[in-house]
């Protein structure tokens, strides 16, 4: 019976390999042929720049912004039918 089981397993393995090969052939036939393209992206290293001449810009203080929009008149700005 061991020989019979081996024959059964060998038959299944042979069918599996055949169907696998057929699937690979189908997939290969569906795959588009690789065409040589001239528009391929080329990755170039960024130009190295010396960082010695780098000047940091100081942040502007928020006080100046507040002064710019500060109301100069102390009068109420209520208009119309508001309470």
Protein backbone atom coordinates (compact mmCIF):
# COMPACT_ATOMS: atom_id res chain seq x y z
CA UNK A 1 0.00 0.00 0.00
CA UNK A 2 2.94 2.32 0.56
CA UNK A 3 3.87 1.92 -3.10
CA UNK A 4 0.30 2.77 -4.14
CA UNK A 5 0.28 5.90 -1.98
CA UNK A 6 3.63 6.93 -3.46
CA UNK A 7 2.23 6.48 -6.98
CA UNK A 8 -0.83 8.59 -6.07
CA UNK A 9 1.34 11.36 -4.60
CA UNK A 10 3.70 11.26 -7.60
CA UNK A 11 0.71 11.55 -9.97
CA UNK A 12 -0.64 14.55 -8.04
CA UNK A 13 2.79 16.16 -8.04
CA UNK A 14 3.15 15.67 -11.81
CA UNK A 15 -0.29 17.23 -12.44
CA UNK A 16 0.53 20.13 -10.11
CA UNK A 17 3.82 20.83 -11.90
CA UNK A 18 2.09 20.70 -15.30
CA UNK A 19 -0.68 23.08 -14.24
CA UNK A 20 1.89 25.38 -12.61
CA UNK A 21 3.87 25.51 -15.86
CA UNK A 22 0.67 26.27 -17.81
CA UNK A 23 -0.18 29.10 -15.41
CA UNK A 24 3.30 30.57 -15.79
CA UNK A 25 2.92 30.45 -19.58
CA UNK A 26 -0.46 32.22 -19.40
CA UNK A 27 0.90 34.91 -17.08
CA UNK A 28 3.94 35.41 -19.31
CA UNK A 29 1.75 35.78 -22.42
CA UNK A 30 -0.42 38.41 -20.66
CA UNK A 31 2.56 40.42 -19.49
CA UNK A 32 3.35 43.33 -21.84
CA UNK A 33 6.66 43.11 -23.61
CA UNK A 34 9.22 45.40 -22.07
CA UNK A 35 9.87 48.22 -24.48
CA UNK A 36 12.99 50.30 -24.30
CA UNK A 37 11.88 53.74 -23.20
CA UNK A 38 13.88 56.89 -23.51
CA UNK A 39 11.90 58.70 -20.81
CA UNK A 40 13.21 56.76 -17.85
CA UNK A 41 13.81 58.86 -14.77
CA UNK A 42 17.42 59.33 -13.91
CA UNK A 43 18.31 59.83 -10.29
CA UNK A 44 21.12 62.29 -9.86
CA UNK A 45 22.86 63.17 -6.64
CA UNK A 46 22.10 66.66 -5.38
CA UNK A 47 24.92 69.11 -5.87
CA UNK A 48 26.91 69.49 -2.72
CA UNK A 49 26.88 73.06 -1.47
CA UNK A 50 29.10 74.42 1.22
CA UNK A 51 27.14 75.25 4.35
CA UNK A 52 29.72 77.65 5.73
CA UNK A 53 28.09 80.76 4.20
CA UNK A 54 24.67 79.97 5.63
CA UNK A 55 23.00 82.86 7.43
CA UNK A 56 20.07 82.18 9.71
CA UNK A 57 17.15 84.59 9.52
CA UNK A 58 15.93 85.75 12.90
CA UNK A 59 12.25 85.35 13.67
CA UNK A 60 10.31 88.57 13.84
CA UNK A 61 8.89 89.22 17.29
CA UNK A 62 5.14 88.80 17.75
CA UNK A 63 4.96 92.15 19.56
CA UNK A 64 5.38 94.03 16.31
CA UNK A 65 2.45 92.14 14.80
CA UNK A 66 0.28 92.99 17.81
CA UNK A 67 1.22 96.66 17.62
CA UNK A 68 0.39 96.77 13.95
CA UNK A 69 -3.18 95.61 14.51
CA UNK A 70 -3.81 97.35 17.83
CA UNK A 71 -6.90 99.55 17.91
CA UNK A 72 -5.91 103.15 18.41
CA UNK A 73 -9.36 104.44 19.33
CA UNK A 74 -10.92 103.26 22.58
CA UNK A 75 -14.41 103.81 21.16
CA UNK A 76 -16.76 100.82 21.01
CA UNK A 77 -17.09 99.21 17.60
CA UNK A 78 -20.67 98.03 18.08
CA UNK A 79 -22.78 98.87 15.05
CA UNK A 80 -26.42 98.46 14.23
CA UNK A 81 -28.81 96.45 16.38
CA UNK A 82 -26.22 94.71 18.56
CA UNK A 83 -26.11 94.66 22.34
